[in-house]
């Protein structure tokens, strides 16, 4: 056994650690292995308890896992990077290892939609056309009953339409309410069935079976238009729905029973956007924005206001929570200030501001990975563009220009990202009466 390695911990006096993973030797440092304290490796080498696992005569600690991709695990722990050349098979195998080692940041990165072509080569693949007189207000992807990737769209004609993203076929139309539908979310119920929730100017939220159009439940308590929805699972494993309204409140609902669980009433203006996420400390959180120019972070379990983010964000038009390339939990907002603002939710650092749009920015996609393995986000605005950004640096990676010959169809105001059954990423954007699929 090496003289510099203690028999109790397997760690050399200089912090060097020898590992034997699946019969292959690796040498790293204690700093690397404990860089994610909540991971399995972080716990093993934290010093809080004796190191688990057998030790060999040379002092190496045995980890009974495949060695093939372990160097990628160490690279992630060392500098939060992934290799640019990673096949789909390797990505899936690495995801298994990331889950085993409880590396939540790596799991998140590997699960992000991955584009397989450079962003500069993205083109419109097909158009889904709504009525020329209606406005598409929201689009969300989900997996159809036959395994096909579908897209639900909400529009001002008081309906929700369900489309096949591959063929452009319209499957069916749901009678969404008695007024304009503002937003949609998709979730899996506690009974393990697919659900689609829609919010409306008629002050209600409706929950549907998106496969057959059956109306499952109507939630009514708001006294103003319902603008925003977010879904999360609480500590009791209830599937909860949060709704933000013109009445300046956020309401929390049990989707299984329709029971109103809690009302948040700190905003001084209409609540326009919501996003649910798990905080760095494991707390179930909600981020909300309103016409009062604030972004609030809430503990969704207690209703306590955790933090208010103040900045140059008048009339916030969208919120997205993401994990940065460095593994930090962040929030992005867009507003009538013609910029994108990103906040590190783990610190009190000033926000990063980038963009510089020619007109109002309406929406952000969730994050995705490009072929260079950068964490990216897409934005849409009334300047008839889709812009794709490195969300960590603010670098503009590509701009897609709409055909301005149809002025309404070029005014893009919502966007989403989804993957096909092979894991390839696409964007879907919506304008006044056209939905476009990009890839």
Protein backbone atom coordinates (compact mmCIF):
# COMPACT_ATOMS: atom_id res chain seq x y z
CA UNK A 1 0.00 0.00 0.00
CA UNK A 2 1.32 3.49 -0.83
CA UNK A 3 2.82 5.17 2.22
CA UNK A 4 0.97 8.37 1.51
CA UNK A 5 -2.47 6.76 1.59
CA UNK A 6 -4.27 6.34 4.86
CA UNK A 7 -5.75 2.94 5.50
CA UNK A 8 -9.03 4.46 6.67
CA UNK A 9 -9.80 6.82 3.82
CA UNK A 10 -7.72 5.85 0.79
CA UNK A 11 -6.71 9.51 0.42
CA UNK A 12 -3.07 10.55 0.16
CA UNK A 13 -1.70 13.28 2.35
CA UNK A 14 -1.55 15.59 -0.68
CA UNK A 15 -5.23 15.02 -1.47
CA UNK A 16 -4.58 12.58 -4.32
CA UNK A 17 -7.09 9.74 -4.57
CA UNK A 18 -6.60 6.44 -6.41
CA UNK A 19 -9.70 4.74 -7.74
CA UNK A 20 -10.22 1.38 -9.39
CA UNK A 21 -13.41 1.61 -11.45
CA UNK A 22 -14.44 -1.60 -13.17
CA UNK A 23 -10.83 -2.81 -13.17
CA UNK A 24 -9.37 0.42 -14.59
CA UNK A 25 -7.19 2.75 -12.51
CA UNK A 26 -7.95 6.46 -12.19
CA UNK A 27 -6.08 9.09 -10.20
CA UNK A 28 -7.82 12.28 -9.15
CA UNK A 29 -8.06 14.62 -6.16
CA UNK A 30 -10.25 14.98 -3.13
CA UNK A 31 -11.26 18.46 -4.33
CA UNK A 32 -12.64 17.02 -7.57
CA UNK A 33 -14.52 14.16 -5.92
CA UNK A 34 -16.19 16.45 -3.38
CA UNK A 35 -17.04 19.27 -5.81
CA UNK A 36 -20.70 18.15 -5.73
CA UNK A 37 -21.24 17.53 -1.98
CA UNK A 38 -24.69 15.96 -2.44
CA UNK A 39 -23.47 13.37 -4.94
CA UNK A 40 -22.55 9.81 -4.01
CA UNK A 41 -18.85 10.51 -4.55
CA UNK A 42 -19.13 13.74 -2.56
CA UNK A 43 -20.61 11.81 0.35
CA UNK A 44 -18.03 9.01 0.08
CA UNK A 45 -15.09 11.39 0.38
CA UNK A 46 -16.60 14.06 2.59
CA UNK A 47 -14.98 12.70 5.75
CA UNK A 48 -18.39 12.43 7.43
CA UNK A 49 -18.10 8.65 7.49
CA UNK A 50 -15.72 5.86 6.55
CA UNK A 51 -15.18 5.47 2.80
CA UNK A 52 -17.36 2.74 1.37
CA UNK A 53 -15.94 0.11 -0.92
CA UNK A 54 -13.08 -2.32 -0.94
CA UNK A 55 -9.46 -1.14 -1.12
CA UNK A 56 -6.73 -2.87 -3.09
CA UNK A 57 -3.14 -3.39 -1.99
CA UNK A 58 -1.97 -0.25 -3.79
CA UNK A 59 -4.50 1.80 -1.82
CA UNK A 60 -6.98 2.17 -4.70
CA UNK A 61 -10.64 2.37 -3.70
CA UNK A 62 -12.82 0.00 -5.71
CA UNK A 63 -15.98 1.31 -7.37
CA UNK A 64 -17.89 -1.50 -8.99
CA UNK A 65 -19.13 0.41 -12.05
CA UNK A 66 -18.20 0.41 -15.76
CA UNK A 67 -14.96 2.26 -16.49
CA UNK A 68 -15.75 3.20 -20.09
CA UNK A 69 -17.18 6.66 -19.38
CA UNK A 70 -15.83 7.37 -15.91
CA UNK A 71 -13.31 9.89 -17.30
CA UNK A 72 -16.34 11.94 -18.40
CA UNK A 73 -17.66 11.80 -14.83
CA UNK A 74 -14.35 13.13 -13.54
CA UNK A 75 -14.26 15.83 -16.23
CA UNK A 76 -17.71 16.98 -15.16
CA UNK A 77 -16.69 17.10 -11.50
CA UNK A 78 -13.48 18.94 -12.35
CA UNK A 79 -14.76 21.70 -14.68
CA UNK A 80 -18.43 20.96 -15.54
CA UNK A 81 -17.68 20.13 -19.17
CA UNK A 82 -18.88 17.45 -21.58
CA UNK A 83 -17.00 16.26 -24.67
CA UNK A 84 -18.16 17.72 -27.98
CA UNK A 85 -18.08 14.31 -29.68
CA UNK A 86 -20.49 12.19 -27.63
CA UNK A 87 -22.64 9.66 -29.48
CA UNK A 88 -26.28 9.11 -28.56
CA UNK A 89 -25.36 5.67 -27.17
CA UNK A 90 -22.62 7.23 -25.02
CA UNK A 91 -24.98 9.97 -23.84
CA UNK A 92 -27.53 7.40 -22.68
CA UNK A 93 -24.87 5.31 -20.93
CA UNK A 94 -23.40 8.39 -19.28
CA UNK A 95 -26.89 9.35 -18.09
CA UNK A 96 -27.12 5.97 -16.32
CA UNK A 97 -23.80 6.63 -14.60
CA UNK A 98 -24.78 10.21 -13.69
CA UNK A 99 -27.94 8.91 -12.04
CA UNK A 100 -25.97 6.24 -10.18
CA UNK A 101 -23.50 8.80 -8.82
CA UNK A 102 -26.37 11.26 -8.05
CA UNK A 103 -24.77 14.00 -10.16
CA UNK A 104 -27.90 16.08 -10.65
CA UNK A 105 -26.21 18.79 -12.70
CA UNK A 106 -24.84 16.23 -15.14
CA UNK A 107 -28.20 14.46 -15.31
CA UNK A 108 -29.85 17.77 -16.19
CA UNK A 109 -27.26 18.50 -18.91
CA UNK A 110 -27.63 15.06 -20.48
CA UNK A 111 -31.42 15.25 -20.49
CA UNK A 112 -31.49 18.59 -22.29
CA UNK A 113 -32.58 18.44 -25.93
CA UNK A 114 -29.53 18.14 -28.18
CA UNK A 115 -29.35 19.60 -31.67
CA UNK A 116 -27.44 17.42 -34.13
CA UNK A 117 -26.68 20.16 -36.65
CA UNK A 118 -25.10 23.61 -36.25
CA UNK A 119 -27.62 26.26 -35.21
CA UNK A 120 -26.73 28.29 -38.31
CA UNK A 121 -28.14 25.44 -40.45
CA UNK A 122 -31.57 25.36 -38.79
CA UNK A 123 -34.41 25.77 -41.28
CA UNK A 124 -38.22 25.75 -41.23
CA UNK A 125 -39.32 22.15 -41.84
CA UNK A 126 -43.10 22.60 -41.90
CA UNK A 127 -45.95 24.95 -41.06
CA UNK A 128 -49.12 24.23 -39.12
CA UNK A 129 -51.76 26.78 -40.07
CA UNK A 130 -54.47 28.03 -37.77
CA UNK A 131 -57.40 30.18 -38.87
CA UNK A 132 -56.17 33.41 -40.46
CA UNK A 133 -58.22 35.38 -37.96
CA UNK A 134 -56.90 33.77 -34.76
CA UNK A 135 -53.83 34.30 -32.57
CA UNK A 136 -51.78 31.39 -31.22
CA UNK A 137 -51.04 32.26 -27.58
CA UNK A 138 -49.22 29.15 -26.30
CA UNK A 139 -47.66 25.92 -27.59
CA UNK A 140 -46.51 22.87 -25.60
CA UNK A 141 -45.10 19.50 -26.80
CA UNK A 142 -46.06 16.10 -25.41
CA UNK A 143 -45.92 12.43 -26.36
CA UNK A 144 -49.08 11.18 -28.05
CA UNK A 145 -50.92 7.95 -27.29
CA UNK A 146 -49.31 6.22 -30.27
CA UNK A 147 -45.81 7.33 -29.32
CA UNK A 148 -45.76 10.24 -31.78
CA UNK A 149 -44.56 13.69 -30.70
CA UNK A 150 -47.51 16.08 -30.55
CA UNK A 151 -47.93 19.80 -30.07
CA UNK A 152 -50.86 21.47 -28.34
CA UNK A 153 -51.66 25.05 -29.31
CA UNK A 154 -53.99 27.51 -27.60
CA UNK A 155 -55.56 30.35 -29.51
CA UNK A 156 -57.89 33.30 -29.29
CA UNK A 157 -60.74 31.31 -30.87
CA UNK A 158 -61.29 29.68 -27.43
CA UNK A 159 -59.91 26.30 -28.54
CA UNK A 160 -56.91 24.05 -27.99
CA UNK A 161 -55.67 22.13 -31.03
CA UNK A 162 -53.51 18.99 -30.97
CA UNK A 163 -51.07 18.45 -33.87
CA UNK A 164 -48.67 15.78 -35.11
CA UNK A 165 -45.30 17.56 -35.28
CA UNK A 166 -43.94 15.15 -37.91
CA UNK A 167 -46.77 15.32 -40.44
CA UNK A 168 -48.54 18.56 -39.47
CA UNK A 169 -51.83 16.66 -39.15
CA UNK A 170 -54.47 18.22 -36.87
CA UNK A 171 -55.64 15.43 -34.57
CA UNK A 172 -58.46 17.10 -32.68
CA UNK A 173 -59.76 20.36 -31.24
CA UNK A 174 -60.74 20.93 -27.62
CA UNK A 175 -63.36 23.52 -26.69
CA UNK A 176 -61.09 25.35 -24.26
CA UNK A 177 -63.46 27.84 -22.64
CA UNK A 178 -65.74 30.79 -23.14
CA UNK A 179 -62.93 33.28 -23.75
CA UNK A 180 -59.38 33.63 -25.08
CA UNK A 181 -56.99 30.90 -23.84
CA UNK A 182 -53.74 32.33 -22.50
CA UNK A 183 -51.42 29.42 -21.70
CA UNK A 184 -51.01 25.62 -21.56
CA UNK A 185 -49.01 23.12 -19.50
CA UNK A 186 -48.70 19.34 -19.84
CA UNK A 187 -48.20 16.97 -16.92
CA UNK A 188 -48.71 13.39 -15.78
CA UNK A 189 -51.38 12.97 -13.12
CA UNK A 190 -51.04 11.08 -9.83
CA UNK A 191 -53.00 8.32 -11.58
CA UNK A 192 -50.23 8.20 -14.25
CA UNK A 193 -52.39 9.57 -17.05
CA UNK A 194 -51.48 12.44 -19.36
CA UNK A 195 -53.12 15.78 -18.65
CA UNK A 196 -53.24 19.15 -20.37
CA UNK A 197 -54.17 22.26 -18.38
CA UNK A 198 -55.39 25.45 -20.05
CA UNK A 199 -55.94 28.91 -18.54
CA UNK A 200 -58.34 31.48 -19.88
CA UNK A 201 -59.70 34.99 -19.71
CA UNK A 202 -62.89 33.41 -18.37
CA UNK A 203 -61.05 33.16 -14.97
CA UNK A 204 -60.90 29.35 -15.00
CA UNK A 205 -58.37 26.57 -15.46
CA UNK A 206 -59.44 23.44 -17.30
CA UNK A 207 -57.70 20.07 -17.13
CA UNK A 208 -58.05 17.77 -20.16
CA UNK A 209 -57.11 14.34 -21.39
CA UNK A 210 -55.12 15.44 -24.46
CA UNK A 211 -55.51 12.04 -26.12
CA UNK A 212 -59.29 12.12 -26.46
CA UNK A 213 -60.25 15.69 -25.55
CA UNK A 214 -62.18 14.70 -22.39
CA UNK A 215 -62.60 17.56 -19.90
CA UNK A 216 -61.50 16.15 -16.54
CA UNK A 217 -61.85 19.10 -14.18
CA UNK A 218 -62.47 22.85 -14.03
CA UNK A 219 -60.76 24.97 -11.36
CA UNK A 220 -62.39 28.29 -10.49
CA UNK A 221 -61.46 30.77 -7.77
CA UNK A 222 -59.64 33.63 -9.47
CA UNK A 223 -61.48 36.93 -9.85
CA UNK A 224 -59.50 38.06 -12.91
CA UNK A 225 -58.03 36.69 -16.12
CA UNK A 226 -55.72 33.67 -15.57
CA UNK A 227 -52.44 34.36 -17.35
CA UNK A 228 -49.96 31.68 -16.28
CA UNK A 229 -49.62 28.08 -15.09
CA UNK A 230 -46.83 25.92 -13.62
CA UNK A 231 -46.83 22.29 -12.44
CA UNK A 232 -44.74 20.61 -9.75
CA UNK A 233 -44.80 17.65 -7.35
CA UNK A 234 -44.91 18.64 -3.67
CA UNK A 235 -43.36 16.93 -0.65
CA UNK A 236 -46.49 14.78 -0.27
CA UNK A 237 -46.16 13.59 -3.88
CA UNK A 238 -49.23 15.56 -4.89
CA UNK A 239 -49.22 16.91 -8.43
CA UNK A 240 -49.85 20.61 -7.87
CA UNK A 241 -50.79 23.36 -10.30
CA UNK A 242 -49.92 27.00 -9.70
CA UNK A 243 -51.92 29.72 -11.47
CA UNK A 244 -51.16 33.44 -11.77
CA UNK A 245 -53.88 35.98 -12.41
CA UNK A 246 -54.93 39.52 -13.18
CA UNK A 247 -56.30 39.55 -9.61
CA UNK A 248 -52.65 39.88 -8.34
CA UNK A 249 -52.61 36.42 -6.74
CA UNK A 250 -51.02 33.03 -7.27
CA UNK A 251 -53.16 30.05 -6.36
CA UNK A 252 -51.98 26.50 -5.69
CA UNK A 253 -54.25 23.57 -6.61
CA UNK A 254 -54.28 19.81 -6.04
CA UNK A 255 -54.78 18.52 -9.59
CA UNK A 256 -56.27 15.21 -8.37
CA UNK A 257 -59.09 16.73 -6.32
CA UNK A 258 -59.34 20.30 -7.59
CA UNK A 259 -58.83 21.55 -4.01
CA UNK A 260 -57.42 25.06 -3.60
CA UNK A 261 -54.40 24.59 -1.33
CA UNK A 262 -52.95 28.06 -0.90
CA UNK A 263 -53.06 31.64 -2.16
CA UNK A 264 -49.98 33.88 -2.54
CA UNK A 265 -50.81 37.59 -2.47
CA UNK A 266 -47.59 39.63 -2.38
CA UNK A 267 -47.66 41.03 -5.91
CA UNK A 268 -49.09 44.52 -6.35
CA UNK A 269 -49.96 43.95 -10.01
CA UNK A 270 -51.26 41.15 -12.25
CA UNK A 271 -49.15 37.96 -12.16
CA UNK A 272 -48.22 37.22 -15.75
CA UNK A 273 -45.63 34.41 -15.64
CA UNK A 274 -44.78 31.45 -13.39
CA UNK A 275 -42.12 28.76 -13.36
CA UNK A 276 -41.66 25.94 -10.82
CA UNK A 277 -38.26 24.54 -9.88
CA UNK A 278 -36.28 22.79 -7.14
CA UNK A 279 -33.90 25.16 -5.37
CA UNK A 280 -30.26 24.40 -4.64
CA UNK A 281 -31.23 23.42 -1.08
CA UNK A 282 -33.96 21.04 -2.28
CA UNK A 283 -36.75 23.54 -1.57
CA UNK A 284 -39.74 23.42 -3.95
CA UNK A 285 -39.88 26.93 -5.39
CA UNK A 286 -41.96 29.12 -7.65
CA UNK A 287 -40.72 32.16 -9.55
CA UNK A 288 -43.37 34.71 -10.50
CA UNK A 289 -43.38 37.99 -12.37
CA UNK A 290 -45.99 40.66 -12.66
CA UNK A 291 -46.83 44.12 -13.86
CA UNK A 292 -45.27 45.49 -10.67
CA UNK A 293 -41.83 44.98 -12.31
CA UNK A 294 -40.67 42.45 -9.70
CA UNK A 295 -39.67 38.80 -9.93
CA UNK A 296 -40.52 36.93 -6.72
CA UNK A 297 -39.11 33.59 -5.55
CA UNK A 298 -41.47 31.61 -3.27
CA UNK A 299 -41.30 28.51 -1.10
CA UNK A 300 -44.23 26.70 -2.67
CA UNK A 301 -44.67 24.43 0.37
CA UNK A 302 -45.23 27.27 2.85
CA UNK A 303 -46.15 30.24 0.69
CA UNK A 304 -43.24 32.22 2.16
CA UNK A 305 -41.60 34.84 -0.04
CA UNK A 306 -37.90 33.87 -0.21
CA UNK A 307 -36.49 36.63 -2.34
CA UNK A 308 -37.39 39.44 -4.71
CA UNK A 309 -35.24 40.11 -7.76
CA UNK A 310 -35.27 43.76 -8.71
CA UNK A 311 -33.80 45.05 -11.92
CA UNK A 312 -34.50 46.62 -15.26
CA UNK A 313 -37.36 44.33 -16.19
CA UNK A 314 -40.55 46.33 -16.81
CA UNK A 315 -43.42 44.15 -18.02
CA UNK A 316 -41.62 40.80 -17.84
CA UNK A 317 -42.85 38.64 -20.71
CA UNK A 318 -41.36 35.24 -19.81
CA UNK A 319 -39.36 33.34 -17.17
CA UNK A 320 -37.15 30.26 -17.57
CA UNK A 321 -35.16 28.45 -14.86
CA UNK A 322 -32.05 26.62 -16.06
CA UNK A 323 -28.73 25.19 -14.90
CA UNK A 324 -25.70 26.97 -16.34
CA UNK A 325 -22.70 25.29 -17.94
CA UNK A 326 -20.99 25.70 -14.55
CA UNK A 327 -23.79 23.77 -12.83
CA UNK A 328 -25.37 26.85 -11.19
CA UNK A 329 -29.12 27.28 -10.83
CA UNK A 330 -30.17 30.39 -12.76
CA UNK A 331 -33.25 32.25 -13.88
CA UNK A 332 -33.71 34.09 -17.18
CA UNK A 333 -36.30 36.78 -17.84
CA UNK A 334 -37.23 38.88 -20.85
CA UNK A 335 -39.08 42.16 -20.79
CA UNK A 336 -39.97 45.35 -22.59
CA UNK A 337 -36.47 46.59 -21.73
CA UNK A 338 -35.47 44.75 -24.97
CA UNK A 339 -32.97 42.53 -23.14
CA UNK A 340 -32.53 39.09 -21.58
CA UNK A 341 -31.60 39.14 -17.89
CA UNK A 342 -30.08 36.11 -16.13
CA UNK A 343 -29.78 35.70 -12.36
CA UNK A 344 -27.66 33.25 -10.37
CA UNK A 345 -30.20 32.04 -7.80
CA UNK A 346 -27.50 30.73 -5.45
CA UNK A 347 -25.87 34.15 -4.98
CA UNK A 348 -26.71 37.81 -4.61
CA UNK A 349 -24.53 38.71 -7.61
CA UNK A 350 -25.87 41.38 -9.98
CA UNK A 351 -27.69 39.92 -12.97
CA UNK A 352 -26.13 39.53 -16.41
CA UNK A 353 -27.94 41.47 -19.12
CA UNK A 354 -27.59 40.76 -22.83
CA UNK A 355 -29.58 41.02 -26.02
CA UNK A 356 -30.28 44.42 -27.44
CA UNK A 357 -33.40 43.71 -29.46
CA UNK A 358 -35.00 46.02 -32.01
CA UNK A 359 -38.45 45.44 -30.57
CA UNK A 360 -40.33 43.82 -27.67
CA UNK A 361 -39.12 40.34 -26.64
CA UNK A 362 -42.04 38.01 -26.08
CA UNK A 363 -40.77 34.61 -25.01
CA UNK A 364 -37.89 32.26 -24.26
CA UNK A 365 -37.56 28.57 -24.94
CA UNK A 366 -36.28 26.18 -22.33
CA UNK A 367 -32.55 25.51 -22.62
CA UNK A 368 -30.97 23.07 -25.07
CA UNK A 369 -27.52 21.89 -26.17
CA UNK A 370 -25.98 22.75 -29.55
CA UNK A 371 -23.38 20.69 -31.43
CA UNK A 372 -20.62 22.60 -29.62
CA UNK A 373 -22.08 21.38 -26.30
CA UNK A 374 -23.02 24.93 -25.28
CA UNK A 375 -26.08 25.53 -23.09
CA UNK A 376 -28.36 27.62 -25.31
CA UNK A 377 -31.69 29.40 -25.21
CA UNK A 378 -33.90 30.80 -27.98
CA UNK A 379 -35.82 34.08 -27.89
CA UNK A 380 -38.58 35.49 -30.10
CA UNK A 381 -39.73 39.04 -30.55
CA UNK A 382 -41.86 41.36 -32.64
CA UNK A 383 -38.80 42.22 -34.76
CA UNK A 384 -39.66 39.02 -36.72
CA UNK A 385 -36.65 37.01 -35.52
CA UNK A 386 -35.74 33.92 -33.57
CA UNK A 387 -32.38 34.40 -31.86
CA UNK A 388 -30.31 31.63 -30.31
CA UNK A 389 -27.89 32.48 -27.50
CA UNK A 390 -25.20 30.94 -25.36
CA UNK A 391 -27.08 31.54 -22.12
CA UNK A 392 -23.92 31.44 -19.99
CA UNK A 393 -21.97 34.08 -21.93
CA UNK A 394 -24.71 36.03 -23.72
CA UNK A 395 -23.10 35.37 -27.11
CA UNK A 396 -25.54 35.51 -30.05
CA UNK A 397 -25.10 32.24 -31.96
CA UNK A 398 -27.67 32.53 -34.74
CA UNK A 399 -30.58 34.64 -35.94
CA UNK A 400 -33.46 33.28 -38.02
CA UNK A 401 -35.40 35.94 -39.94
CA UNK A 402 -39.09 35.49 -40.65
CA UNK A 403 -40.57 36.16 -44.07
CA UNK A 404 -42.05 39.64 -43.62
CA UNK A 405 -44.33 39.35 -46.65
CA UNK A 406 -46.97 38.06 -44.22
CA UNK A 407 -46.69 40.63 -41.43
CA UNK A 408 -48.86 38.71 -38.96
CA UNK A 409 -47.12 35.38 -39.58
CA UNK A 410 -43.71 37.01 -39.04
CA UNK A 411 -44.56 38.47 -35.63
CA UNK A 412 -43.40 35.58 -33.42
CA UNK A 413 -44.55 35.53 -29.80
CA UNK A 414 -44.03 32.04 -28.39
CA UNK A 415 -41.41 29.30 -28.77
CA UNK A 416 -40.66 25.89 -27.33
CA UNK A 417 -38.07 23.13 -27.80
CA UNK A 418 -38.84 19.42 -28.06
CA UNK A 419 -37.21 16.15 -29.11
CA UNK A 420 -38.32 13.42 -31.46
CA UNK A 421 -38.26 9.73 -30.58
CA UNK A 422 -34.58 9.55 -31.57
CA UNK A 423 -33.68 12.32 -29.13
CA UNK A 424 -33.07 14.95 -31.84
CA UNK A 425 -34.05 18.50 -30.85
CA UNK A 426 -36.38 20.84 -32.74
CA UNK A 427 -37.85 24.27 -32.12
CA UNK A 428 -41.50 25.18 -32.56
CA UNK A 429 -42.53 28.83 -32.86
CA UNK A 430 -45.93 30.46 -33.15
CA UNK A 431 -47.07 33.74 -34.64
CA UNK A 432 -50.57 35.08 -35.10
CA UNK A 433 -51.87 32.17 -37.15
CA UNK A 434 -48.89 29.98 -38.03
CA UNK A 435 -46.92 27.40 -36.09
CA UNK A 436 -43.52 26.56 -37.55
CA UNK A 437 -41.30 23.56 -36.82
CA UNK A 438 -37.55 24.26 -37.08
CA UNK A 439 -34.67 21.79 -37.28
